[in-house]
Amino acid sequence: MTLVVLSISALVLSAVLTIVMLRTRYLRLGGAFTAACLGYFLAASGAAPTIHAFFTSITAGIASLTHSFG
């Protein structure tokens, strides 16, 4: 059995989810604009390194879980 690893960046995944939510009208245009502005301003803030470290640790944890099952 061959294990295939698929890696998708968080940016692409969040963009796809936002587009799906907009298409299904689960998220309206104003909410999408607000979320985009929040992401933009968070990336430029002093909290960006902390947020990056948090998501890095989450992805490392998920990666270690997949290695323990394989």
N, C-alpha and C. Protein backbone atom coordinates (compact mmCIF):
# COMPACT_ATOMS: atom_id res chain seq x y z
N MET A 1 0.85 -1.18 0.00
CA MET A 1 0.00 0.00 0.00
C MET A 1 0.89 1.24 0.00
N THR A 2 0.62 2.17 -0.89
CA THR A 2 1.40 3.38 -1.01
C THR A 2 0.68 4.52 -0.33
N LEU A 3 1.40 5.25 0.49
CA LEU A 3 0.85 6.40 1.18
C LEU A 3 1.17 7.65 0.38
N VAL A 4 0.15 8.40 0.00
CA VAL A 4 0.33 9.63 -0.75
C VAL A 4 0.12 10.80 0.18
N VAL A 5 1.09 11.69 0.22
CA VAL A 5 1.00 12.86 1.08
C VAL A 5 0.63 14.06 0.22
N LEU A 6 -0.43 14.73 0.59
CA LEU A 6 -0.88 15.91 -0.14
C LEU A 6 -0.69 17.11 0.77
N SER A 7 0.03 18.09 0.29
CA SER A 7 0.31 19.28 1.09
C SER A 7 -0.36 20.48 0.43
N ILE A 8 -1.20 21.15 1.19
CA ILE A 8 -1.89 22.35 0.71
C ILE A 8 -1.57 23.47 1.68
N SER A 9 -1.17 24.60 1.15
CA SER A 9 -0.85 25.70 2.04
C SER A 9 -2.12 26.24 2.70
N ALA A 10 -1.95 26.82 3.85
CA ALA A 10 -3.08 27.39 4.58
C ALA A 10 -3.73 28.52 3.80
N LEU A 11 -2.93 29.26 3.05
CA LEU A 11 -3.48 30.35 2.25
C LEU A 11 -4.40 29.83 1.16
N VAL A 12 -3.97 28.81 0.44
CA VAL A 12 -4.80 28.25 -0.62
C VAL A 12 -6.06 27.62 -0.03
N LEU A 13 -5.91 26.89 1.07
CA LEU A 13 -7.06 26.26 1.70
C LEU A 13 -8.07 27.29 2.18
N SER A 14 -7.60 28.35 2.82
CA SER A 14 -8.52 29.38 3.30
C SER A 14 -9.17 30.13 2.14
N ALA A 15 -8.44 30.33 1.05
CA ALA A 15 -9.02 30.98 -0.13
C ALA A 15 -10.12 30.12 -0.73
N VAL A 16 -9.88 28.81 -0.83
CA VAL A 16 -10.89 27.92 -1.38
C VAL A 16 -12.12 27.89 -0.48
N LEU A 17 -11.92 27.79 0.82
CA LEU A 17 -13.05 27.79 1.75
C LEU A 17 -13.85 29.08 1.67
N THR A 18 -13.16 30.21 1.55
CA THR A 18 -13.85 31.50 1.44
C THR A 18 -14.66 31.56 0.15
N ILE A 19 -14.10 31.08 -0.95
CA ILE A 19 -14.82 31.09 -2.22
C ILE A 19 -16.05 30.20 -2.14
N VAL A 20 -15.90 29.02 -1.55
CA VAL A 20 -17.06 28.12 -1.40
C VAL A 20 -18.12 28.77 -0.53
N MET A 21 -17.71 29.40 0.56
CA MET A 21 -18.67 30.05 1.44
C MET A 21 -19.37 31.22 0.75
N LEU A 22 -18.65 31.94 -0.09
CA LEU A 22 -19.27 33.02 -0.85
C LEU A 22 -20.26 32.47 -1.88
N ARG A 23 -19.89 31.39 -2.56
CA ARG A 23 -20.75 30.82 -3.60
C ARG A 23 -22.03 30.25 -3.00
N THR A 24 -21.95 29.68 -1.81
CA THR A 24 -23.14 29.10 -1.17
C THR A 24 -23.89 30.13 -0.35
N ARG A 25 -23.42 31.36 -0.38
CA ARG A 25 -24.02 32.48 0.35
C ARG A 25 -24.01 32.26 1.86
N TYR A 26 -23.10 31.42 2.31
CA TYR A 26 -22.91 31.24 3.75
C TYR A 26 -22.14 32.43 4.32
N LEU A 27 -21.32 33.04 3.50
CA LEU A 27 -20.54 34.21 3.88
C LEU A 27 -20.82 35.29 2.86
N ARG A 28 -21.29 36.40 3.32
CA ARG A 28 -21.61 37.49 2.39
C ARG A 28 -20.35 38.27 2.07
N LEU A 29 -20.44 39.12 1.07
CA LEU A 29 -19.29 39.87 0.58
C LEU A 29 -18.69 40.76 1.67
N GLY A 30 -19.51 41.40 2.49
CA GLY A 30 -18.99 42.24 3.57
C GLY A 30 -18.18 41.45 4.58
N GLY A 31 -18.64 40.25 4.92
CA GLY A 31 -17.90 39.40 5.85
C GLY A 31 -16.59 38.92 5.26
N ALA A 32 -16.59 38.61 3.97
CA ALA A 32 -15.36 38.19 3.31
C ALA A 32 -14.35 39.33 3.27
N PHE A 33 -14.82 40.53 2.98
CA PHE A 33 -13.94 41.69 2.96
C PHE A 33 -13.35 41.96 4.34
N THR A 34 -14.18 41.84 5.36
CA THR A 34 -13.72 42.04 6.73
C THR A 34 -12.68 40.99 7.12
N ALA A 35 -12.92 39.74 6.74
CA ALA A 35 -11.96 38.67 7.05
C ALA A 35 -10.64 38.90 6.32
N ALA A 36 -10.72 39.35 5.08
CA ALA A 36 -9.50 39.62 4.31
C ALA A 36 -8.72 40.77 4.93
N CYS A 37 -9.41 41.81 5.34
CA CYS A 37 -8.74 42.94 6.00
C CYS A 37 -8.10 42.50 7.31
N LEU A 38 -8.80 41.68 8.06
CA LEU A 38 -8.25 41.18 9.32
C LEU A 38 -6.96 40.41 9.07
N GLY A 39 -6.97 39.52 8.08
CA GLY A 39 -5.77 38.76 7.75
C GLY A 39 -4.63 39.65 7.30
N TYR A 40 -4.96 40.65 6.50
CA TYR A 40 -3.94 41.58 6.02
C TYR A 40 -3.31 42.35 7.17
N PHE A 41 -4.14 42.87 8.05
CA PHE A 41 -3.63 43.66 9.17
C PHE A 41 -2.91 42.80 10.21
N LEU A 42 -3.36 41.55 10.40
CA LEU A 42 -2.66 40.65 11.32
C LEU A 42 -1.27 40.31 10.79
N ALA A 43 -1.16 40.14 9.47
CA ALA A 43 0.14 39.81 8.89
C ALA A 43 1.13 40.95 9.05
N ALA A 44 0.63 42.17 9.12
CA ALA A 44 1.52 43.33 9.24
C ALA A 44 1.74 43.72 10.70
N SER A 45 1.08 43.04 11.63
CA SER A 45 1.18 43.44 13.03
C SER A 45 2.31 42.71 13.74
N GLY A 46 2.51 43.05 14.98
CA GLY A 46 3.51 42.39 15.81
C GLY A 46 3.09 41.00 16.22
N ALA A 47 1.81 40.66 16.03
CA ALA A 47 1.33 39.33 16.39
C ALA A 47 1.65 38.29 15.33
N ALA A 48 2.12 38.70 14.17
CA ALA A 48 2.38 37.78 13.06
C ALA A 48 3.35 36.66 13.44
N PRO A 49 4.48 36.94 14.10
CA PRO A 49 5.39 35.84 14.46
C PRO A 49 4.75 34.83 15.43
N THR A 50 3.94 35.31 16.34
CA THR A 50 3.27 34.42 17.29
C THR A 50 2.25 33.54 16.58
N ILE A 51 1.48 34.14 15.68
CA ILE A 51 0.49 33.38 14.91
C ILE A 51 1.19 32.36 14.03
N HIS A 52 2.29 32.75 13.41
CA HIS A 52 3.05 31.83 12.57
C HIS A 52 3.60 30.67 13.40
N ALA A 53 4.12 30.96 14.57
CA ALA A 53 4.65 29.90 15.44
C ALA A 53 3.53 28.94 15.88
N PHE A 54 2.35 29.48 16.15
CA PHE A 54 1.21 28.66 16.55
C PHE A 54 0.84 27.68 15.44
N PHE A 55 0.69 28.19 14.22
CA PHE A 55 0.31 27.32 13.11
C PHE A 55 1.42 26.35 12.73
N THR A 56 2.67 26.75 12.91
CA THR A 56 3.78 25.84 12.67
C THR A 56 3.74 24.68 13.65
N SER A 57 3.45 24.96 14.91
CA SER A 57 3.38 23.89 15.90
C SER A 57 2.18 22.97 15.64
N ILE A 58 1.07 23.54 15.18
CA ILE A 58 -0.11 22.72 14.85
C ILE A 58 0.22 21.77 13.69
N THR A 59 0.85 22.31 12.65
CA THR A 59 1.17 21.46 11.50
C THR A 59 2.23 20.41 11.85
N ALA A 60 3.16 20.75 12.72
CA ALA A 60 4.15 19.77 13.16
C ALA A 60 3.47 18.66 13.97
N GLY A 61 2.50 19.03 14.78
CA GLY A 61 1.76 18.03 15.55
C GLY A 61 0.97 17.09 14.66
N ILE A 62 0.33 17.66 13.64
CA ILE A 62 -0.43 16.83 12.69
C ILE A 62 0.52 15.91 11.92
N ALA A 63 1.66 16.45 11.53
CA ALA A 63 2.64 15.63 10.81
C ALA A 63 3.15 14.48 11.66
N SER A 64 3.37 14.75 12.95
CA SER A 64 3.85 13.66 13.82
C SER A 64 2.75 12.62 14.05
N LEU A 65 1.49 13.03 14.04
CA LEU A 65 0.40 12.06 14.16
C LEU A 65 0.34 11.17 12.93
N THR A 66 0.50 11.74 11.77
CA THR A 66 0.45 10.92 10.55
C THR A 66 1.62 9.96 10.47
N HIS A 67 2.78 10.36 11.01
CA HIS A 67 3.93 9.46 11.02
C HIS A 67 3.73 8.33 12.02
N SER A 68 3.02 8.59 13.11
CA SER A 68 2.82 7.54 14.10
C SER A 68 1.80 6.50 13.62
N PHE A 69 0.89 6.89 12.71
CA PHE A 69 -0.07 5.93 12.17
C PHE A 69 0.50 5.14 11.01
N GLY A 70 1.51 5.70 10.33
CA GLY A 70 2.04 5.06 9.14
C GLY A 70 3.08 4.09 9.48
